[in-house]
Protein backbone atom coordinates (compact mmCIF):
# COMPACT_ATOMS: atom_id res chain seq x y z
CA MET A 1 -13.07 51.86 -86.54
CA GLN A 2 -10.60 53.47 -84.20
CA ARG A 3 -13.16 56.17 -83.26
CA THR A 4 -15.75 53.58 -82.34
CA ILE A 5 -13.28 51.79 -80.05
CA VAL A 6 -12.44 55.09 -78.34
CA ARG A 7 -16.15 55.86 -77.96
CA ILE A 8 -16.84 52.42 -76.50
CA VAL A 9 -13.94 52.73 -74.03
CA LEU A 10 -15.07 56.24 -73.09
CA ALA A 11 -18.65 55.05 -72.63
CA ILE A 12 -17.46 52.18 -70.43
CA LEU A 13 -15.39 54.57 -68.32
CA ILE A 14 -18.31 56.97 -67.88
CA ILE A 15 -20.68 54.12 -66.97
CA SER A 16 -18.11 52.73 -64.51
CA LEU A 17 -17.80 56.14 -62.88
CA PHE A 18 -21.57 56.45 -62.49
CA VAL A 19 -21.81 52.93 -61.05
CA TYR A 20 -19.00 53.67 -58.58
CA LEU A 21 -20.59 56.93 -57.43
CA PHE A 22 -24.06 55.39 -57.24
CA ALA A 23 -22.84 52.39 -55.22
CA ARG A 24 -21.12 54.70 -52.75
CA GLU A 25 -24.28 56.75 -52.31
CA ILE A 26 -26.37 53.62 -51.79
CA THR A 27 -23.94 52.48 -49.07
CA GLN A 28 -24.22 55.85 -47.32
CA VAL A 29 -28.02 55.81 -47.54
CA TYR A 30 -28.11 52.31 -46.08
CA ALA A 31 -25.83 53.33 -43.18
CA LEU A 32 -28.01 56.36 -42.47
CA HIS A 33 -31.11 54.18 -42.56
CA GLN A 34 -29.58 51.79 -40.01
CA GLU A 35 -28.61 54.68 -37.74
CA ASN A 36 -32.11 56.13 -38.05
CA GLU A 37 -33.62 52.81 -36.94
CA LYS A 38 -31.33 52.72 -33.90
CA VAL A 39 -32.31 56.26 -32.95
CA LYS A 40 -36.02 55.43 -33.32
CA LEU A 41 -35.61 52.39 -31.08
CA GLU A 42 -33.77 54.42 -28.46
CA ALA A 43 -36.46 57.13 -28.60
CA GLN A 44 -39.15 54.51 -28.06
CA LYS A 45 -37.28 53.11 -25.03
CA LEU A 46 -36.91 56.61 -23.59
CA GLU A 47 -40.61 57.33 -24.12
CA GLU A 48 -41.51 54.12 -22.29
CA ALA A 49 -39.16 54.99 -19.41
CA ASN A 50 -40.61 58.49 -19.28
CA ALA A 51 -44.16 57.12 -19.13
CA GLU A 52 -43.15 54.83 -16.26
CA LEU A 53 -41.61 57.75 -14.37
CA ILE A 54 -44.75 59.84 -14.90
CA ARG A 55 -46.83 56.94 -13.54
CA LYS A 56 -44.59 56.71 -10.46
CA ILE A 57 -44.83 60.46 -9.86
CA GLU A 58 -48.61 60.30 -10.04
CA LEU A 59 -48.65 57.38 -7.59
CA ILE A 60 -46.38 59.22 -5.17
CA GLN A 61 -48.63 62.28 -5.33
CA THR A 62 -51.89 60.37 -4.86
CA ASP A 63 -51.18 57.08 -3.04
CA ASP A 64 -49.89 57.39 0.52
CA THR A 65 -49.17 53.65 0.79
CA TYR A 66 -46.99 53.75 -2.30
CA LYS A 67 -45.29 56.91 -1.07
CA GLU A 68 -44.46 55.21 2.25
CA LYS A 69 -43.11 52.17 0.41
CA ILE A 70 -40.79 54.34 -1.69
CA ILE A 71 -39.62 56.32 1.33
CA ARG A 72 -38.80 53.13 3.19
CA GLN A 73 -37.16 51.24 0.32
CA GLU A 74 -35.26 53.93 -1.51
CA LEU A 75 -34.48 56.37 1.31
CA GLY A 76 -34.18 53.83 4.12
CA MET A 77 -36.35 55.86 6.49
CA ILE A 78 -38.32 54.37 9.36
CA LYS A 79 -41.26 55.49 11.52
CA LYS A 80 -40.80 56.71 15.08
CA GLY A 81 -40.53 53.80 17.46
CA GLU A 82 -39.53 51.28 14.80
CA LYS A 83 -36.30 49.35 15.12
CA VAL A 84 -34.21 48.16 12.21
CA TYR A 85 -32.41 44.87 12.48
CA ARG A 86 -29.55 44.29 10.10
CA PHE A 87 -28.08 40.89 9.56
CA LYS A 88 -24.64 40.18 8.21
CA GLU A 89 -24.60 37.66 5.42
């Protein structure tokens, strides 16, 4: 009788230990899965941005009108003889 009680208590302790360790591992796996999803999303955003930059580079290399637009807007350059009027707001 006393041996069976000891065995039952020991079995419960061993099962509790396995459940504790298993639950901790599941939590870690879930956290890693969430982090993996975030990294995948960030990689997708970077790939889209990279594709847009490649498209802009190709336009700059092939389209003179687009190239002029970029030079004027982003670099603030003007053609000879042009005047720039700036207004204070």
